[in-house]
Amino acid sequence: MTLVRTGMAVLIAFFVLSLSAYAQDDTAALYKSKCQVCHGADGKGDTAAGKMVNAKDFHSPEVQKMSDAELIEAIKKGKGKMQPYAGKLTDDQIKALVKYIRSLK
């Protein structure tokens, strides 16, 4: 019985870790499709399109001091020349993007 419980625990842990890895891959793909053209793969905004629209560098003190709520609002409503993503992305997708943006620093 202990072996069965141990086996089940391992399977559950593997499943949870797989879902987490899938969610990270999904968010990376979302960032790539929605954000990367302006903000770049590294989040520095040093792309041709980013320079044209004055995309923010996610590493900058200005962006780093923003709360998650402020970043969520900027993504939802747009900011400067950035288009709004409310209605185009779910709240969970936007929250995942904020977490991903934070990981780029």
PDB file of N, CA and C in Angstrom:
ATOM      1  N   MET A   1       0.820  -1.190   0.000  1.00  0.00           N
ATOM      2  CA  MET A   1       0.000   0.000   0.000  1.00  0.00           C
ATOM      3  C   MET A   1       0.863   1.253   0.000  1.00  0.00           C
ATOM      4  N   THR A   2       1.961   1.245   0.741  1.00  0.00           N
ATOM      5  CA  THR A   2       2.858   2.388   0.783  1.00  0.00           C
ATOM      6  C   THR A   2       3.476   2.636  -0.584  1.00  0.00           C
ATOM      7  N   LEU A   3       3.802   1.581  -1.304  1.00  0.00           N
ATOM      8  CA  LEU A   3       4.370   1.713  -2.642  1.00  0.00           C
ATOM      9  C   LEU A   3       3.376   2.361  -3.595  1.00  0.00           C
ATOM     10  N   VAL A   4       2.117   2.004  -3.466  1.00  0.00           N
ATOM     11  CA  VAL A   4       1.071   2.595  -4.311  1.00  0.00           C
ATOM     12  C   VAL A   4       0.935   4.084  -4.005  1.00  0.00           C
ATOM     13  N   ARG A   5       0.920   4.439  -2.731  1.00  0.00           N
ATOM     14  CA  ARG A   5       0.816   5.851  -2.345  1.00  0.00           C
ATOM     15  C   ARG A   5       2.024   6.644  -2.837  1.00  0.00           C
ATOM     16  N   THR A   6       3.192   6.068  -2.703  1.00  0.00           N
ATOM     17  CA  THR A   6       4.405   6.734  -3.176  1.00  0.00           C
ATOM     18  C   THR A   6       4.341   6.930  -4.686  1.00  0.00           C
ATOM     19  N   GLY A   7       3.905   5.908  -5.386  1.00  0.00           N
ATOM     20  CA  GLY A   7       3.765   5.998  -6.843  1.00  0.00           C
ATOM     21  C   GLY A   7       2.768   7.066  -7.250  1.00  0.00           C
ATOM     22  N   MET A   8       1.652   7.130  -6.545  1.00  0.00           N
ATOM     23  CA  MET A   8       0.635   8.151  -6.835  1.00  0.00           C
ATOM     24  C   MET A   8       1.183   9.548  -6.553  1.00  0.00           C
ATOM     25  N   ALA A   9       1.918   9.691  -5.473  1.00  0.00           N
ATOM     26  CA  ALA A   9       2.495  10.993  -5.127  1.00  0.00           C
ATOM     27  C   ALA A   9       3.477  11.444  -6.205  1.00  0.00           C
ATOM     28  N   VAL A  10       4.271  10.526  -6.705  1.00  0.00           N
ATOM     29  CA  VAL A  10       5.228  10.849  -7.777  1.00  0.00           C
ATOM     30  C   VAL A  10       4.482  11.251  -9.041  1.00  0.00           C
ATOM     31  N   LEU A  11       3.442  10.515  -9.394  1.00  0.00           N
ATOM     32  CA  LEU A  11       2.652  10.853 -10.584  1.00  0.00           C
ATOM     33  C   LEU A  11       1.983  12.218 -10.454  1.00  0.00           C
ATOM     34  N   ILE A  12       1.450  12.502  -9.300  1.00  0.00           N
ATOM     35  CA  ILE A  12       0.806  13.804  -9.077  1.00  0.00           C
ATOM     36  C   ILE A  12       1.841  14.923  -9.170  1.00  0.00           C
ATOM     37  N   ALA A  13       2.996  14.738  -8.550  1.00  0.00           N
ATOM     38  CA  ALA A  13       4.050  15.744  -8.619  1.00  0.00           C
ATOM     39  C   ALA A  13       4.500  15.963 -10.061  1.00  0.00           C
ATOM     40  N   PHE A  14       4.657  14.902 -10.812  1.00  0.00           N
ATOM     41  CA  PHE A  14       5.054  15.005 -12.216  1.00  0.00           C
ATOM     42  C   PHE A  14       4.004  15.767 -13.015  1.00  0.00           C
ATOM     43  N   PHE A  15       2.734  15.475 -12.770  1.00  0.00           N
ATOM     44  CA  PHE A  15       1.638  16.139 -13.465  1.00  0.00           C
ATOM     45  C   PHE A  15       1.631  17.638 -13.160  1.00  0.00           C
ATOM     46  N   VAL A  16       1.777  18.002 -11.889  1.00  0.00           N
ATOM     47  CA  VAL A  16       1.784  19.416 -11.496  1.00  0.00           C
ATOM     48  C   VAL A  16       2.970  20.134 -12.116  1.00  0.00           C
ATOM     49  N   LEU A  17       4.149  19.526 -12.092  1.00  0.00           N
ATOM     50  CA  LEU A  17       5.328  20.145 -12.696  1.00  0.00           C
ATOM     51  C   LEU A  17       5.180  20.269 -14.206  1.00  0.00           C
ATOM     52  N   SER A  18       4.556  19.294 -14.837  1.00  0.00           N
ATOM     53  CA  SER A  18       4.316  19.353 -16.278  1.00  0.00           C
ATOM     54  C   SER A  18       3.387  20.502 -16.628  1.00  0.00           C
ATOM     55  N   LEU A  19       2.332  20.681 -15.838  1.00  0.00           N
ATOM     56  CA  LEU A  19       1.410  21.793 -16.075  1.00  0.00           C
ATOM     57  C   LEU A  19       2.109  23.136 -15.906  1.00  0.00           C
ATOM     58  N   SER A  20       2.966  23.229 -14.914  1.00  0.00           N
ATOM     59  CA  SER A  20       3.706  24.460 -14.670  1.00  0.00           C
ATOM     60  C   SER A  20       4.639  24.769 -15.840  1.00  0.00           C
ATOM     61  N   ALA A  21       5.337  23.763 -16.333  1.00  0.00           N
ATOM     62  CA  ALA A  21       6.235  23.954 -17.477  1.00  0.00           C
ATOM     63  C   ALA A  21       5.439  24.332 -18.719  1.00  0.00           C
ATOM     64  N   TYR A  22       4.281  23.705 -18.898  1.00  0.00           N
ATOM     65  CA  TYR A  22       3.428  24.029 -20.042  1.00  0.00           C
ATOM     66  C   TYR A  22       2.957  25.476 -19.949  1.00  0.00           C
ATOM     67  N   ALA A  23       2.557  25.919 -18.761  1.00  0.00           N
ATOM     68  CA  ALA A  23       2.089  27.292 -18.577  1.00  0.00           C
ATOM     69  C   ALA A  23       3.208  28.280 -18.877  1.00  0.00           C
ATOM     70  N   GLN A  24       4.447  27.963 -18.469  1.00  0.00           N
ATOM     71  CA  GLN A  24       5.584  28.840 -18.752  1.00  0.00           C
ATOM     72  C   GLN A  24       5.843  28.909 -20.246  1.00  0.00           C
ATOM     73  N   ASP A  25       5.794  27.774 -20.927  1.00  0.00           N
ATOM     74  CA  ASP A  25       5.981  27.750 -22.379  1.00  0.00           C
ATOM     75  C   ASP A  25       4.886  28.535 -23.076  1.00  0.00           C
ATOM     76  N   ASP A  26       3.657  28.388 -22.590  1.00  0.00           N
ATOM     77  CA  ASP A  26       2.517  29.085 -23.158  1.00  0.00           C
ATOM     78  C   ASP A  26       2.673  30.599 -22.986  1.00  0.00           C
ATOM     79  N   THR A  27       3.126  31.037 -21.817  1.00  0.00           N
ATOM     80  CA  THR A  27       3.327  32.456 -21.561  1.00  0.00           C
ATOM     81  C   THR A  27       4.474  32.994 -22.395  1.00  0.00           C
ATOM     82  N   ALA A  28       5.540  32.226 -22.547  1.00  0.00           N
ATOM     83  CA  ALA A  28       6.658  32.653 -23.397  1.00  0.00           C
ATOM     84  C   ALA A  28       6.186  32.827 -24.835  1.00  0.00           C
ATOM     85  N   ALA A  29       5.355  31.919 -25.310  1.00  0.00           N
ATOM     86  CA  ALA A  29       4.814  32.025 -26.670  1.00  0.00           C
ATOM     87  C   ALA A  29       3.890  33.234 -26.788  1.00  0.00           C
ATOM     88  N   LEU A  30       3.113  33.500 -25.755  1.00  0.00           N
ATOM     89  CA  LEU A  30       2.232  34.662 -25.740  1.00  0.00           C
ATOM     90  C   LEU A  30       3.059  35.948 -25.777  1.00  0.00           C
ATOM     91  N   TYR A  31       4.096  36.016 -24.966  1.00  0.00           N
ATOM     92  CA  TYR A  31       4.994  37.184 -24.963  1.00  0.00           C
ATOM     93  C   TYR A  31       5.591  37.365 -26.356  1.00  0.00           C
ATOM     94  N   LYS A  32       6.051  36.279 -26.929  1.00  0.00           N
ATOM     95  CA  LYS A  32       6.676  36.347 -28.248  1.00  0.00           C
ATOM     96  C   LYS A  32       5.698  36.873 -29.297  1.00  0.00           C
ATOM     97  N   SER A  33       4.454  36.458 -29.225  1.00  0.00           N
ATOM     98  CA  SER A  33       3.484  36.860 -30.241  1.00  0.00           C
ATOM     99  C   SER A  33       2.900  38.254 -30.013  1.00  0.00           C
ATOM    100  N   LYS A  34       2.833  38.716 -28.779  1.00  0.00           N
ATOM    101  CA  LYS A  34       2.174  39.988 -28.487  1.00  0.00           C
ATOM    102  C   LYS A  34       3.134  41.116 -28.106  1.00  0.00           C
ATOM    103  N   CYS A  35       4.263  40.802 -27.516  1.00  0.00           N
ATOM    104  CA  CYS A  35       5.117  41.828 -26.904  1.00  0.00           C
ATOM    105  C   CYS A  35       6.500  41.964 -27.538  1.00  0.00           C
ATOM    106  N   GLN A  36       7.026  40.849 -27.997  1.00  0.00           N
ATOM    107  CA  GLN A  36       8.428  40.804 -28.400  1.00  0.00           C
ATOM    108  C   GLN A  36       8.772  41.729 -29.563  1.00  0.00           C
ATOM    109  N   VAL A  37       7.853  41.951 -30.491  1.00  0.00           N
ATOM    110  CA  VAL A  37       8.162  42.782 -31.648  1.00  0.00           C
ATOM    111  C   VAL A  37       8.603  44.183 -31.217  1.00  0.00           C
ATOM    112  N   CYS A  38       8.013  44.705 -30.160  1.00  0.00           N
ATOM    113  CA  CYS A  38       8.398  46.034 -29.672  1.00  0.00           C
ATOM    114  C   CYS A  38       9.382  45.964 -28.504  1.00  0.00           C
ATOM    115  N   HIS A  39       9.112  45.104 -27.541  1.00  0.00           N
ATOM    116  CA  HIS A  39       9.934  45.065 -26.328  1.00  0.00           C
ATOM    117  C   HIS A  39      11.160  44.179 -26.455  1.00  0.00           C
ATOM    118  N   GLY A  40      11.226  43.352 -27.496  1.00  0.00           N
ATOM    119  CA  GLY A  40      12.375  42.486 -27.708  1.00  0.00           C
ATOM    120  C   GLY A  40      12.342  41.245 -26.842  1.00  0.00           C
ATOM    121  N   ALA A  41      13.122  40.258 -27.247  1.00  0.00           N
ATOM    122  CA  ALA A  41      13.176  38.991 -26.510  1.00  0.00           C
ATOM    123  C   ALA A  41      13.676  39.189 -25.082  1.00  0.00           C
ATOM    124  N   ASP A  42      14.552  40.184 -24.896  1.00  0.00           N
ATOM    125  CA  ASP A  42      15.130  40.441 -23.578  1.00  0.00           C
ATOM    126  C   ASP A  42      14.368  41.494 -22.779  1.00  0.00           C
ATOM    127  N   GLY A  43      13.313  42.091 -23.390  1.00  0.00           N
ATOM    128  CA  GLY A  43      12.503  43.084 -22.689  1.00  0.00           C
ATOM    129  C   GLY A  43      13.091  44.476 -22.658  1.00  0.00           C
ATOM    130  N   LYS A  44      14.155  44.723 -23.410  1.00  0.00           N
ATOM    131  CA  LYS A  44      14.823  46.026 -23.351  1.00  0.00           C
ATOM    132  C   LYS A  44      14.215  47.069 -24.288  1.00  0.00           C
ATOM    133  N   GLY A  45      13.319  46.647 -25.180  1.00  0.00           N
ATOM    134  CA  GLY A  45      12.676  47.602 -26.077  1.00  0.00           C
ATOM    135  C   GLY A  45      13.583  48.110 -27.172  1.00  0.00           C
ATOM    136  N   ASP A  46      14.703  47.425 -27.370  1.00  0.00           N
ATOM    137  CA  ASP A  46      15.711  47.860 -28.335  1.00  0.00           C
ATOM    138  C   ASP A  46      15.504  47.175 -29.689  1.00  0.00           C
ATOM    139  N   THR A  47      14.300  47.336 -30.240  1.00  0.00           N
ATOM    140  CA  THR A  47      13.988  46.782 -31.555  1.00  0.00           C
ATOM    141  C   THR A  47      13.595  47.942 -32.458  1.00  0.00           C
ATOM    142  N   ALA A  48      13.559  47.698 -33.754  1.00  0.00           N
ATOM    143  CA  ALA A  48      13.163  48.763 -34.686  1.00  0.00           C
ATOM    144  C   ALA A  48      11.765  49.268 -34.344  1.00  0.00           C
ATOM    145  N   ALA A  49      10.832  48.334 -34.135  1.00  0.00           N
ATOM    146  CA  ALA A  49       9.465  48.730 -33.794  1.00  0.00           C
ATOM    147  C   ALA A  49       9.421  49.396 -32.423  1.00  0.00           C
ATOM    148  N   GLY A  50      10.186  48.881 -31.497  1.00  0.00           N
ATOM    149  CA  GLY A  50      10.230  49.445 -30.150  1.00  0.00           C
ATOM    150  C   GLY A  50      10.741  50.877 -30.142  1.00  0.00           C
ATOM    151  N   LYS A  51      11.742  51.134 -30.955  1.00  0.00           N
ATOM    152  CA  LYS A  51      12.281  52.496 -31.047  1.00  0.00           C
ATOM    153  C   LYS A  51      11.262  53.444 -31.666  1.00  0.00           C
ATOM    154  N   MET A  52      10.496  52.949 -32.640  1.00  0.00           N
ATOM    155  CA  MET A  52       9.493  53.791 -33.296  1.00  0.00           C
ATOM    156  C   MET A  52       8.376  54.209 -32.335  1.00  0.00           C
ATOM    157  N   VAL A  53       8.015  53.331 -31.415  1.00  0.00           N
ATOM    158  CA  VAL A  53       6.906  53.630 -30.501  1.00  0.00           C
ATOM    159  C   VAL A  53       7.382  53.970 -29.091  1.00  0.00           C
ATOM    160  N   ASN A  54       8.696  54.070 -28.916  1.00  0.00           N
ATOM    161  CA  ASN A  54       9.278  54.380 -27.605  1.00  0.00           C
ATOM    162  C   ASN A  54       8.864  53.343 -26.551  1.00  0.00           C
ATOM    163  N   ALA A  55       9.021  52.069 -26.911  1.00  0.00           N
ATOM    164  CA  ALA A  55       8.671  50.966 -26.004  1.00  0.00           C
ATOM    165  C   ALA A  55       9.523  51.030 -24.742  1.00  0.00           C
ATOM    166  N   LYS A  56       8.912  50.741 -23.639  1.00  0.00           N
ATOM    167  CA  LYS A  56       9.613  50.767 -22.354  1.00  0.00           C
ATOM    168  C   LYS A  56      10.556  49.576 -22.212  1.00  0.00           C
ATOM    169  N   ASP A  57      11.673  49.843 -21.578  1.00  0.00           N
ATOM    170  CA  ASP A  57      12.634  48.805 -21.210  1.00  0.00           C
ATOM    171  C   ASP A  57      12.157  48.220 -19.886  1.00  0.00           C
ATOM    172  N   PHE A  58      11.838  46.938 -19.882  1.00  0.00           N
ATOM    173  CA  PHE A  58      11.328  46.313 -18.661  1.00  0.00           C
ATOM    174  C   PHE A  58      12.367  46.276 -17.542  1.00  0.00           C
ATOM    175  N   HIS A  59      13.636  46.505 -17.869  1.00  0.00           N
ATOM    176  CA  HIS A  59      14.694  46.505 -16.860  1.00  0.00           C
ATOM    177  C   HIS A  59      14.859  47.884 -16.208  1.00  0.00           C
ATOM    178  N   SER A  60      14.245  48.890 -16.792  1.00  0.00           N
ATOM    179  CA  SER A  60      14.432  50.263 -16.311  1.00  0.00           C
ATOM    180  C   SER A  60      13.831  50.438 -14.917  1.00  0.00           C
ATOM    181  N   PRO A  61      14.410  51.363 -14.136  1.00  0.00           N
ATOM    182  CA  PRO A  61      13.852  51.648 -12.810  1.00  0.00           C
ATOM    183  C   PRO A  61      12.389  52.076 -12.890  1.00  0.00           C
ATOM    184  N   GLU A  62      12.029  52.807 -13.948  1.00  0.00           N
ATOM    185  CA  GLU A  62      10.648  53.264 -14.119  1.00  0.00           C
ATOM    186  C   GLU A  62       9.669  52.097 -14.154  1.00  0.00           C
ATOM    187  N   VAL A  63      10.006  51.059 -14.909  1.00  0.00           N
ATOM    188  CA  VAL A  63       9.123  49.895 -15.011  1.00  0.00           C
ATOM    189  C   VAL A  63       9.251  49.014 -13.775  1.00  0.00           C
ATOM    190  N   GLN A  64      10.450  48.827 -13.276  1.00  0.00           N
ATOM    191  CA  GLN A  64      10.655  47.964 -12.115  1.00  0.00           C
ATOM    192  C   GLN A  64       9.927  48.464 -10.877  1.00  0.00           C
ATOM    193  N   LYS A  65       9.764  49.783 -10.750  1.00  0.00           N
ATOM    194  CA  LYS A  65       9.073  50.307  -9.565  1.00  0.00           C
ATOM    195  C   LYS A  65       7.552  50.214  -9.694  1.00  0.00           C
ATOM    196  N   MET A  66       7.056  49.892 -10.889  1.00  0.00           N
ATOM    197  CA  MET A  66       5.607  49.746 -11.075  1.00  0.00           C
ATOM    198  C   MET A  66       5.118  48.498 -10.352  1.00  0.00           C
ATOM    199  N   SER A  67       3.960  48.613  -9.743  1.00  0.00           N
ATOM    200  CA  SER A  67       3.364  47.449  -9.080  1.00  0.00           C
ATOM    201  C   SER A  67       2.797  46.511 -10.152  1.00  0.00           C
ATOM    202  N   ASP A  68       2.510  45.291  -9.750  1.00  0.00           N
ATOM    203  CA  ASP A  68       1.872  44.355 -10.674  1.00  0.00           C
ATOM    204  C   ASP A  68       0.537  44.920 -11.163  1.00  0.00           C
ATOM    205  N   ALA A  69      -0.205  45.554 -10.264  1.00  0.00           N
ATOM    206  CA  ALA A  69      -1.502  46.136 -10.641  1.00  0.00           C
ATOM    207  C   ALA A  69      -1.321  47.218 -11.710  1.00  0.00           C
ATOM    208  N   GLU A  70      -0.273  48.013 -11.590  1.00  0.00           N
ATOM    209  CA  GLU A  70      -0.012  49.059 -12.590  1.00  0.00           C
ATOM    210  C   GLU A  70       0.361  48.452 -13.939  1.00  0.00           C
ATOM    211  N   LEU A  71       1.160  47.396 -13.910  1.00  0.00           N
ATOM    212  CA  LEU A  71       1.525  46.726 -15.161  1.00  0.00           C
ATOM    213  C   LEU A  71       0.302  46.067 -15.795  1.00  0.00           C
ATOM    214  N   ILE A  72      -0.529  45.455 -14.976  1.00  0.00           N
ATOM    215  CA  ILE A  72      -1.759  44.835 -15.484  1.00  0.00           C
ATOM    216  C   ILE A  72      -2.628  45.893 -16.156  1.00  0.00           C
ATOM    217  N   GLU A  73      -2.760  47.039 -15.516  1.00  0.00           N
ATOM    218  CA  GLU A  73      -3.574  48.112 -16.085  1.00  0.00           C
ATOM    219  C   GLU A  73      -2.971  48.623 -17.397  1.00  0.00           C
ATOM    220  N   ALA A  74      -1.653  48.752 -17.462  1.00  0.00           N
ATOM    221  CA  ALA A  74      -1.001  49.210 -18.691  1.00  0.00           C
ATOM    222  C   ALA A  74      -1.240  48.224 -19.832  1.00  0.00           C
ATOM    223  N   ILE A  75      -1.199  46.944 -19.527  1.00  0.00           N
ATOM    224  CA  ILE A  75      -1.445  45.931 -20.560  1.00  0.00           C
ATOM    225  C   ILE A  75      -2.916  45.964 -20.981  1.00  0.00           C
ATOM    226  N   LYS A  76      -3.796  46.061 -20.013  1.00  0.00           N
ATOM    227  CA  LYS A  76      -5.229  46.066 -20.333  1.00  0.00           C
ATOM    228  C   LYS A  76      -5.639  47.303 -21.128  1.00  0.00           C
ATOM    229  N   LYS A  77      -5.214  48.474 -20.675  1.00  0.00           N
ATOM    230  CA  LYS A  77      -5.683  49.728 -21.266  1.00  0.00           C
ATOM    231  C   LYS A  77      -4.741  50.298 -22.325  1.00  0.00           C
ATOM    232  N   GLY A  78      -3.528  49.751 -22.398  1.00  0.00           N
ATOM    233  CA  GLY A  78      -2.530  50.326 -23.285  1.00  0.00           C
ATOM    234  C   GLY A  78      -1.867  51.507 -22.594  1.00  0.00           C
ATOM    235  N   LYS A  79      -0.744  51.909 -23.128  1.00  0.00           N
ATOM    236  CA  LYS A  79      -0.029  53.031 -22.521  1.00  0.00           C
ATOM    237  C   LYS A  79       0.825  53.660 -23.607  1.00  0.00           C
ATOM    238  N   GLY A  80       0.752  54.961 -23.740  1.00  0.00           N
ATOM    239  CA  GLY A  80       1.480  55.619 -24.813  1.00  0.00           C
ATOM    240  C   GLY A  80       0.962  55.103 -26.146  1.00  0.00           C
ATOM    241  N   LYS A  81       1.872  54.583 -26.947  1.00  0.00           N
ATOM    242  CA  LYS A  81       1.480  54.055 -28.259  1.00  0.00           C
ATOM    243  C   LYS A  81       1.160  52.560 -28.224  1.00  0.00           C
ATOM    244  N   MET A  82       1.242  51.966 -27.029  1.00  0.00           N
ATOM    245  CA  MET A  82       0.934  50.534 -26.905  1.00  0.00           C
ATOM    246  C   MET A  82      -0.575  50.322 -26.944  1.00  0.00           C
ATOM    247  N   GLN A  83      -0.987  49.378 -27.745  1.00  0.00           N
ATOM    248  CA  GLN A  83      -2.413  49.079 -27.859  1.00  0.00           C
ATOM    249  C   GLN A  83      -2.936  48.395 -26.598  1.00  0.00           C
ATOM    250  N   PRO A  84      -4.222  48.552 -26.302  1.00  0.00           N
ATOM    251  CA  PRO A  84      -4.820  47.865 -25.159  1.00  0.00           C
ATOM    252  C   PRO A  84      -5.095  46.398 -25.494  1.00  0.00           C
ATOM    253  N   TYR A  85      -4.947  45.555 -24.490  1.00  0.00           N
ATOM    254  CA  TYR A  85      -5.193  44.123 -24.678  1.00  0.00           C
ATOM    255  C   TYR A  85      -6.398  43.615 -23.902  1.00  0.00           C
ATOM    256  N   ALA A  86      -7.147  44.517 -23.263  1.00  0.00           N
ATOM    257  CA  ALA A  86      -8.389  44.105 -22.600  1.00  0.00           C
ATOM    258  C   ALA A  86      -9.328  43.557 -23.668  1.00  0.00           C
ATOM    259  N   GLY A  87      -9.907  42.399 -23.398  1.00  0.00           N
ATOM    260  CA  GLY A  87     -10.802  41.776 -24.360  1.00  0.00           C
ATOM    261  C   GLY A  87     -10.074  40.910 -25.376  1.00  0.00           C
ATOM    262  N   LYS A  88      -8.767  41.088 -25.496  1.00  0.00           N
ATOM    263  CA  LYS A  88      -7.963  40.278 -26.414  1.00  0.00           C
ATOM    264  C   LYS A  88      -7.203  39.192 -25.646  1.00  0.00           C
ATOM    265  N   LEU A  89      -6.888  39.493 -24.396  1.00  0.00           N
ATOM    266  CA  LEU A  89      -6.216  38.539 -23.509  1.00  0.00           C
ATOM    267  C   LEU A  89      -7.059  38.381 -22.256  1.00  0.00           C
ATOM    268  N   THR A  90      -7.027  37.200 -21.680  1.00  0.00           N
ATOM    269  CA  THR A  90      -7.743  36.968 -20.430  1.00  0.00           C
ATOM    270  C   THR A  90      -6.964  37.581 -19.274  1.00  0.00           C
ATOM    271  N   ASP A  91      -7.634  37.751 -18.146  1.00  0.00           N
ATOM    272  CA  ASP A  91      -6.956  38.259 -16.952  1.00  0.00           C
ATOM    273  C   ASP A  91      -5.801  37.345 -16.552  1.00  0.00           C
ATOM    274  N   ASP A  92      -6.002  36.039 -16.664  1.00  0.00           N
ATOM    275  CA  ASP A  92      -4.939  35.089 -16.313  1.00  0.00           C
ATOM    276  C   ASP A  92      -3.744  35.230 -17.256  1.00  0.00           C
ATOM    277  N   GLN A  93      -3.999  35.446 -18.532  1.00  0.00           N
ATOM    278  CA  GLN A  93      -2.902  35.640 -19.484  1.00  0.00           C
ATOM    279  C   GLN A  93      -2.130  36.915 -19.159  1.00  0.00           C
ATOM    280  N   ILE A  94      -2.837  37.967 -18.817  1.00  0.00           N
ATOM    281  CA  ILE A  94      -2.186  39.236 -18.480  1.00  0.00           C
ATOM    282  C   ILE A  94      -1.352  39.092 -17.216  1.00  0.00           C
ATOM    283  N   LYS A  95      -1.888  38.423 -16.207  1.00  0.00           N
ATOM    284  CA  LYS A  95      -1.132  38.194 -14.968  1.00  0.00           C
ATOM    285  C   LYS A  95       0.117  37.357 -15.246  1.00  0.00           C
ATOM    286  N   ALA A  96      -0.015  36.362 -16.111  1.00  0.00           N
ATOM    287  CA  ALA A  96       1.136  35.529 -16.472  1.00  0.00           C
ATOM    288  C   ALA A  96       2.178  36.357 -17.217  1.00  0.00           C
ATOM    289  N   LEU A  97       1.737  37.276 -18.070  1.00  0.00           N
ATOM    290  CA  LEU A  97       2.682  38.147 -18.779  1.00  0.00           C
ATOM    291  C   LEU A  97       3.435  39.051 -17.807  1.00  0.00           C
ATOM    292  N   VAL A  98       2.746  39.565 -16.806  1.00  0.00           N
ATOM    293  CA  VAL A  98       3.416  40.395 -15.798  1.00  0.00           C
ATOM    294  C   VAL A  98       4.491  39.587 -15.083  1.00  0.00           C
ATOM    295  N   LYS A  99       4.165  38.377 -14.711  1.00  0.00           N
ATOM    296  CA  LYS A  99       5.144  37.499 -14.052  1.00  0.00           C
ATOM    297  C   LYS A  99       6.324  37.232 -14.993  1.00  0.00           C
ATOM    298  N   TYR A 100       6.020  36.993 -16.266  1.00  0.00           N
ATOM    299  CA  TYR A 100       7.074  36.742 -17.244  1.00  0.00           C
ATOM    300  C   TYR A 100       7.953  37.978 -17.415  1.00  0.00           C
ATOM    301  N   ILE A 101       7.339  39.149 -17.506  1.00  0.00           N
ATOM    302  CA  ILE A 101       8.089  40.407 -17.644  1.00  0.00           C
ATOM    303  C   ILE A 101       9.018  40.581 -16.456  1.00  0.00           C
ATOM    304  N   ARG A 102       8.537  40.291 -15.265  1.00  0.00           N
ATOM    305  CA  ARG A 102       9.370  40.392 -14.057  1.00  0.00           C
ATOM    306  C   ARG A 102      10.561  39.432 -14.120  1.00  0.00           C
ATOM    307  N   SER A 103      10.375  38.305 -14.773  1.00  0.00           N
ATOM    308  CA  SER A 103      11.460  37.318 -14.838  1.00  0.00           C
ATOM    309  C   SER A 103      12.567  37.724 -15.802  1.00  0.00           C
ATOM    310  N   LEU A 104      12.321  38.708 -16.646  1.00  0.00           N
ATOM    311  CA  LEU A 104      13.322  39.133 -17.632  1.00  0.00           C
ATOM    312  C   LEU A 104      14.441  39.964 -17.026  1.00  0.00           C
ATOM    313  N   LYS A 105      14.262  40.454 -15.817  1.00  0.00           N
ATOM    314  CA  LYS A 105      15.275  41.354 -15.227  1.00  0.00           C
ATOM    315  C   LYS A 105      16.561  40.673 -14.903  1.00  0.00           C
TER     316      LYS A 105
END
